[in-house]
Amino acid sequence: MKSLLLLLKIVLIIWFVDIISYFYSRETFVPLANDGHVSINDSVGKTITDKKDYFTEKNCCLVSKIFNKNKDKFEYVFEKKDTCKITDATNNNSHHLFIDGIDGWDNNKCKVPSIKDDNPIGSCRHYNFECRDFLTRSQCSKYNMEWSDRTCHNPYQKPFKESDREISYGSKTWKV
């Protein structure tokens, strides 16, 4: 009889804890749109409209990496678009789609970079030959990488610095 009462108490405690945890674990947020998709092109002040064509954006820049036969090297080619289909240009290692207003992109940067530009598109490199294309100078410094205006297909031509090393053994020191 004692074991039956103990079992009943355990079941009641578990049931009580389950009811209390139900009230404290409910989600209380409300999605912005019916299906949760929000586009920056559709925002008007504090109101975001329901958009049915999810794959069309405005003010885009398609940056492609194309081999220039005359210069015998890869170069970035910039193409401004008023409207673009996201499905037409999936981001890969040969082209990248930048949308105005997303991730700090300004469509005025959609041009061949000049020396005066403060944050142009290029590639980021490490000493271990790791390389990523279509990144800005500030993104490279964020990840401790070195920015280059060349693409990743062009060889890494940074000269290595040789420094004198001192080797000491006992009281003698040699420079190598």
C-alpha atoms as a PDB file:
ATOM      1  CA  MET A   1       0.000   0.000   0.000  1.00  0.00           C
ATOM      2  CA  LYS A   2       2.889   2.383   0.797  1.00  0.00           C
ATOM      3  CA  SER A   3       4.436   1.773  -2.629  1.00  0.00           C
ATOM      4  CA  LEU A   4       1.101   2.538  -4.316  1.00  0.00           C
ATOM      5  CA  LEU A   5       0.826   5.858  -2.431  1.00  0.00           C
ATOM      6  CA  LEU A   6       4.436   6.676  -3.303  1.00  0.00           C
ATOM      7  CA  LEU A   7       3.775   5.953  -6.985  1.00  0.00           C
ATOM      8  CA  LEU A   8       0.652   8.139  -6.908  1.00  0.00           C
ATOM      9  CA  LYS A   9       2.628  11.031  -5.331  1.00  0.00           C
ATOM     10  CA  ILE A  10       5.347  10.754  -7.973  1.00  0.00           C
ATOM     11  CA  VAL A  11       2.798  10.791 -10.806  1.00  0.00           C
ATOM     12  CA  LEU A  12       1.067  13.854  -9.297  1.00  0.00           C
ATOM     13  CA  ILE A  13       4.373  15.705  -8.927  1.00  0.00           C
ATOM     14  CA  ILE A  14       5.350  14.949 -12.538  1.00  0.00           C
ATOM     15  CA  TRP A  15       1.914  16.057 -13.753  1.00  0.00           C
ATOM     16  CA  PHE A  16       2.122  19.294 -11.721  1.00  0.00           C
ATOM     17  CA  VAL A  17       5.631  20.104 -13.035  1.00  0.00           C
ATOM     18  CA  ASP A  18       4.457  19.442 -16.606  1.00  0.00           C
ATOM     19  CA  ILE A  19       1.547  21.896 -16.253  1.00  0.00           C
ATOM     20  CA  ILE A  20       3.781  24.624 -14.788  1.00  0.00           C
ATOM     21  CA  SER A  21       6.461  24.180 -17.475  1.00  0.00           C
ATOM     22  CA  TYR A  22       3.784  24.449 -20.198  1.00  0.00           C
ATOM     23  CA  PHE A  23       2.821  27.973 -19.100  1.00  0.00           C
ATOM     24  CA  TYR A  24       6.423  29.202 -18.865  1.00  0.00           C
ATOM     25  CA  SER A  25       7.671  27.722 -22.154  1.00  0.00           C
ATOM     26  CA  ARG A  26       5.077  29.089 -24.578  1.00  0.00           C
ATOM     27  CA  GLU A  27       6.375  31.348 -27.375  1.00  0.00           C
ATOM     28  CA  THR A  28       4.830  34.792 -27.323  1.00  0.00           C
ATOM     29  CA  PHE A  29       6.183  36.372 -30.518  1.00  0.00           C
ATOM     30  CA  VAL A  30       4.047  37.188 -33.559  1.00  0.00           C
ATOM     31  CA  PRO A  31       5.620  36.860 -37.045  1.00  0.00           C
ATOM     32  CA  LEU A  32       5.814  39.984 -39.219  1.00  0.00           C
ATOM     33  CA  ALA A  33       4.249  38.392 -42.290  1.00  0.00           C
ATOM     34  CA  ASN A  34       2.007  35.397 -42.754  1.00  0.00           C
ATOM     35  CA  ASP A  35       4.842  33.151 -43.894  1.00  0.00           C
ATOM     36  CA  GLY A  36       7.700  34.924 -42.117  1.00  0.00           C
ATOM     37  CA  HIS A  37       9.437  36.276 -45.254  1.00  0.00           C
ATOM     38  CA  VAL A  38      10.479  39.912 -45.021  1.00  0.00           C
ATOM     39  CA  SER A  39      12.229  41.884 -47.739  1.00  0.00           C
ATOM     40  CA  ILE A  40      13.938  45.230 -47.339  1.00  0.00           C
ATOM     41  CA  ASN A  41      12.316  46.454 -50.576  1.00  0.00           C
ATOM     42  CA  ASP A  42       8.850  46.070 -49.093  1.00  0.00           C
ATOM     43  CA  SER A  43       9.386  47.934 -45.855  1.00  0.00           C
ATOM     44  CA  VAL A  44       7.556  51.243 -45.624  1.00  0.00           C
ATOM     45  CA  GLY A  45       8.321  52.930 -42.339  1.00  0.00           C
ATOM     46  CA  LYS A  46       7.300  50.529 -39.598  1.00  0.00           C
ATOM     47  CA  THR A  47       4.942  48.523 -41.814  1.00  0.00           C
ATOM     48  CA  ILE A  48       6.204  45.538 -43.771  1.00  0.00           C
ATOM     49  CA  THR A  49       3.909  44.280 -46.492  1.00  0.00           C
ATOM     50  CA  ASP A  50       3.213  40.684 -47.485  1.00  0.00           C
ATOM     51  CA  LYS A  51       5.208  39.869 -50.578  1.00  0.00           C
ATOM     52  CA  LYS A  52       4.262  37.035 -52.897  1.00  0.00           C
ATOM     53  CA  ASP A  53       7.261  37.080 -55.269  1.00  0.00           C
ATOM     54  CA  TYR A  54      10.053  36.139 -52.890  1.00  0.00           C
ATOM     55  CA  PHE A  55      12.849  35.877 -55.439  1.00  0.00           C
ATOM     56  CA  THR A  56      12.798  39.331 -57.078  1.00  0.00           C
ATOM     57  CA  GLU A  57      14.766  42.172 -55.519  1.00  0.00           C
ATOM     58  CA  LYS A  58      15.444  45.768 -56.593  1.00  0.00           C
ATOM     59  CA  ASN A  59      18.754  47.623 -56.994  1.00  0.00           C
ATOM     60  CA  CYS A  60      21.158  44.724 -57.303  1.00  0.00           C
ATOM     61  CA  CYS A  61      24.761  44.378 -58.383  1.00  0.00           C
ATOM     62  CA  LEU A  62      25.986  41.176 -59.977  1.00  0.00           C
ATOM     63  CA  VAL A  63      29.761  40.825 -59.598  1.00  0.00           C
ATOM     64  CA  SER A  64      31.296  38.117 -61.776  1.00  0.00           C
ATOM     65  CA  LYS A  65      34.813  36.767 -61.944  1.00  0.00           C
ATOM     66  CA  ILE A  66      35.710  36.404 -65.636  1.00  0.00           C
ATOM     67  CA  PHE A  67      38.960  35.522 -67.393  1.00  0.00           C
ATOM     68  CA  ASN A  68      40.239  38.425 -69.524  1.00  0.00           C
ATOM     69  CA  LYS A  69      42.129  36.942 -72.484  1.00  0.00           C
ATOM     70  CA  ASN A  70      43.798  40.247 -73.386  1.00  0.00           C
ATOM     71  CA  LYS A  71      45.359  40.699 -69.943  1.00  0.00           C
ATOM     72  CA  ASP A  72      45.722  36.961 -69.323  1.00  0.00           C
ATOM     73  CA  LYS A  73      44.193  37.117 -65.825  1.00  0.00           C
ATOM     74  CA  PHE A  74      40.910  36.947 -63.964  1.00  0.00           C
ATOM     75  CA  GLU A  75      39.041  40.202 -63.264  1.00  0.00           C
ATOM     76  CA  TYR A  76      35.867  41.328 -61.532  1.00  0.00           C
ATOM     77  CA  VAL A  77      33.061  42.514 -63.812  1.00  0.00           C
ATOM     78  CA  PHE A  78      30.321  44.670 -62.228  1.00  0.00           C
ATOM     79  CA  GLU A  79      26.778  44.780 -63.614  1.00  0.00           C
ATOM     80  CA  LYS A  80      24.083  47.057 -62.134  1.00  0.00           C
ATOM     81  CA  LYS A  81      20.513  45.776 -62.317  1.00  0.00           C
ATOM     82  CA  ASP A  82      17.234  47.470 -61.425  1.00  0.00           C
ATOM     83  CA  THR A  83      15.480  44.183 -60.763  1.00  0.00           C
ATOM     84  CA  CYS A  84      17.071  40.804 -60.413  1.00  0.00           C
ATOM     85  CA  LYS A  85      16.032  37.251 -59.741  1.00  0.00           C
ATOM     86  CA  ILE A  86      17.838  35.671 -56.842  1.00  0.00           C
ATOM     87  CA  THR A  87      17.395  32.228 -58.398  1.00  0.00           C
ATOM     88  CA  ASP A  88      19.295  33.316 -61.537  1.00  0.00           C
ATOM     89  CA  ALA A  89      22.469  34.149 -59.637  1.00  0.00           C
ATOM     90  CA  THR A  90      23.289  31.786 -56.827  1.00  0.00           C
ATOM     91  CA  ASN A  91      26.375  32.874 -54.929  1.00  0.00           C
ATOM     92  CA  ASN A  92      29.355  30.684 -55.753  1.00  0.00           C
ATOM     93  CA  ASN A  93      33.036  31.196 -56.473  1.00  0.00           C
ATOM     94  CA  SER A  94      32.477  32.704 -59.946  1.00  0.00           C
ATOM     95  CA  HIS A  95      29.804  35.329 -59.227  1.00  0.00           C
ATOM     96  CA  HIS A  96      28.086  37.015 -56.293  1.00  0.00           C
ATOM     97  CA  LEU A  97      24.851  39.010 -56.041  1.00  0.00           C
ATOM     98  CA  PHE A  98      24.841  42.096 -53.812  1.00  0.00           C
ATOM     99  CA  ILE A  99      21.496  43.707 -52.902  1.00  0.00           C
ATOM    100  CA  ASP A 100      21.300  47.392 -52.011  1.00  0.00           C
ATOM    101  CA  GLY A 101      20.835  47.878 -48.264  1.00  0.00           C
ATOM    102  CA  ILE A 102      21.657  44.323 -47.203  1.00  0.00           C
ATOM    103  CA  ASP A 103      24.893  43.671 -45.272  1.00  0.00           C
ATOM    104  CA  GLY A 104      25.895  47.309 -45.644  1.00  0.00           C
ATOM    105  CA  TRP A 105      26.044  47.157 -49.456  1.00  0.00           C
ATOM    106  CA  ASP A 106      25.580  50.436 -51.312  1.00  0.00           C
ATOM    107  CA  ASN A 107      24.779  50.109 -55.021  1.00  0.00           C
ATOM    108  CA  ASN A 108      27.059  53.097 -55.733  1.00  0.00           C
ATOM    109  CA  LYS A 109      29.960  50.658 -55.200  1.00  0.00           C
ATOM    110  CA  CYS A 110      28.842  48.654 -58.238  1.00  0.00           C
ATOM    111  CA  LYS A 111      31.762  49.738 -60.431  1.00  0.00           C
ATOM    112  CA  VAL A 112      35.380  48.889 -61.045  1.00  0.00           C
ATOM    113  CA  PRO A 113      37.116  50.059 -57.860  1.00  0.00           C
ATOM    114  CA  SER A 114      39.476  53.007 -57.993  1.00  0.00           C
ATOM    115  CA  ILE A 115      42.331  53.942 -55.691  1.00  0.00           C
ATOM    116  CA  LYS A 116      40.157  56.552 -53.932  1.00  0.00           C
ATOM    117  CA  ASP A 117      37.448  54.046 -52.904  1.00  0.00           C
ATOM    118  CA  ASP A 118      37.440  53.413 -49.182  1.00  0.00           C
ATOM    119  CA  ASN A 119      35.968  49.894 -49.160  1.00  0.00           C
ATOM    120  CA  PRO A 120      36.168  48.208 -52.594  1.00  0.00           C
ATOM    121  CA  ILE A 121      35.405  44.603 -53.517  1.00  0.00           C
ATOM    122  CA  GLY A 122      38.376  42.268 -53.777  1.00  0.00           C
ATOM    123  CA  SER A 123      39.754  39.091 -52.254  1.00  0.00           C
ATOM    124  CA  CYS A 124      41.035  38.280 -48.781  1.00  0.00           C
ATOM    125  CA  ARG A 125      44.119  36.116 -48.285  1.00  0.00           C
ATOM    126  CA  HIS A 126      46.057  34.366 -45.534  1.00  0.00           C
ATOM    127  CA  TYR A 127      49.673  33.230 -45.571  1.00  0.00           C
ATOM    128  CA  ASN A 128      48.522  29.618 -45.759  1.00  0.00           C
ATOM    129  CA  PHE A 129      47.029  30.328 -49.207  1.00  0.00           C
ATOM    130  CA  GLU A 130      43.464  30.495 -47.927  1.00  0.00           C
ATOM    131  CA  CYS A 131      41.528  32.907 -50.149  1.00  0.00           C
ATOM    132  CA  ARG A 132      37.972  34.240 -50.380  1.00  0.00           C
ATOM    133  CA  ASP A 133      36.576  36.348 -53.227  1.00  0.00           C
ATOM    134  CA  PHE A 134      33.943  39.126 -53.229  1.00  0.00           C
ATOM    135  CA  LEU A 135      34.839  40.657 -49.864  1.00  0.00           C
ATOM    136  CA  THR A 136      35.481  44.269 -48.903  1.00  0.00           C
ATOM    137  CA  ARG A 137      38.605  45.644 -47.262  1.00  0.00           C
ATOM    138  CA  SER A 138      36.849  46.048 -43.893  1.00  0.00           C
ATOM    139  CA  GLN A 139      35.684  42.419 -43.947  1.00  0.00           C
ATOM    140  CA  CYS A 140      39.276  41.293 -44.525  1.00  0.00           C
ATOM    141  CA  SER A 141      40.613  43.263 -41.588  1.00  0.00           C
ATOM    142  CA  LYS A 142      37.802  41.893 -39.431  1.00  0.00           C
ATOM    143  CA  TYR A 143      39.076  38.336 -40.009  1.00  0.00           C
ATOM    144  CA  ASN A 144      42.778  39.273 -39.879  1.00  0.00           C
ATOM    145  CA  MET A 145      43.262  38.624 -43.586  1.00  0.00           C
ATOM    146  CA  GLU A 146      45.078  40.678 -46.189  1.00  0.00           C
ATOM    147  CA  TRP A 147      42.997  42.454 -48.840  1.00  0.00           C
ATOM    148  CA  SER A 148      43.922  42.386 -52.533  1.00  0.00           C
ATOM    149  CA  ASP A 149      42.225  43.891 -55.587  1.00  0.00           C
ATOM    150  CA  ARG A 150      43.056  40.712 -57.510  1.00  0.00           C
ATOM    151  CA  THR A 151      40.892  37.604 -57.582  1.00  0.00           C
ATOM    152  CA  CYS A 152      41.747  34.346 -55.846  1.00  0.00           C
ATOM    153  CA  HIS A 153      42.717  32.793 -59.198  1.00  0.00           C
ATOM    154  CA  ASN A 154      45.686  35.143 -59.472  1.00  0.00           C
ATOM    155  CA  PRO A 155      48.801  33.954 -57.644  1.00  0.00           C
ATOM    156  CA  TYR A 156      49.713  35.325 -54.255  1.00  0.00           C
ATOM    157  CA  GLN A 157      52.729  37.563 -54.887  1.00  0.00           C
ATOM    158  CA  LYS A 158      53.487  38.952 -51.471  1.00  0.00           C
ATOM    159  CA  PRO A 159      57.232  38.785 -50.833  1.00  0.00           C
ATOM    160  CA  PHE A 160      58.228  36.935 -47.719  1.00  0.00           C
ATOM    161  CA  LYS A 161      60.333  38.933 -45.276  1.00  0.00           C
ATOM    162  CA  GLU A 162      63.551  37.318 -44.184  1.00  0.00           C
ATOM    163  CA  SER A 163      64.710  38.185 -40.716  1.00  0.00           C
ATOM    164  CA  ASP A 164      67.950  37.370 -38.938  1.00  0.00           C
ATOM    165  CA  ARG A 165      67.659  34.782 -36.210  1.00  0.00           C
ATOM    166  CA  GLU A 166      70.020  34.486 -33.321  1.00  0.00           C
ATOM    167  CA  ILE A 167      71.094  31.086 -32.084  1.00  0.00           C
ATOM    168  CA  SER A 168      72.862  30.951 -28.794  1.00  0.00           C
ATOM    169  CA  TYR A 169      74.685  28.019 -27.259  1.00  0.00           C
ATOM    170  CA  GLY A 170      76.289  28.623 -23.941  1.00  0.00           C
ATOM    171  CA  SER A 171      78.120  31.938 -24.149  1.00  0.00           C
ATOM    172  CA  LYS A 172      78.338  32.008 -27.961  1.00  0.00           C
ATOM    173  CA  THR A 173      75.699  33.671 -30.224  1.00  0.00           C
ATOM    174  CA  TRP A 174      75.403  33.231 -33.995  1.00  0.00           C
ATOM    175  CA  LYS A 175      73.258  35.145 -36.469  1.00  0.00           C
ATOM    176  CA  VAL A 176      71.703  32.975 -39.139  1.00  0.00           C
END
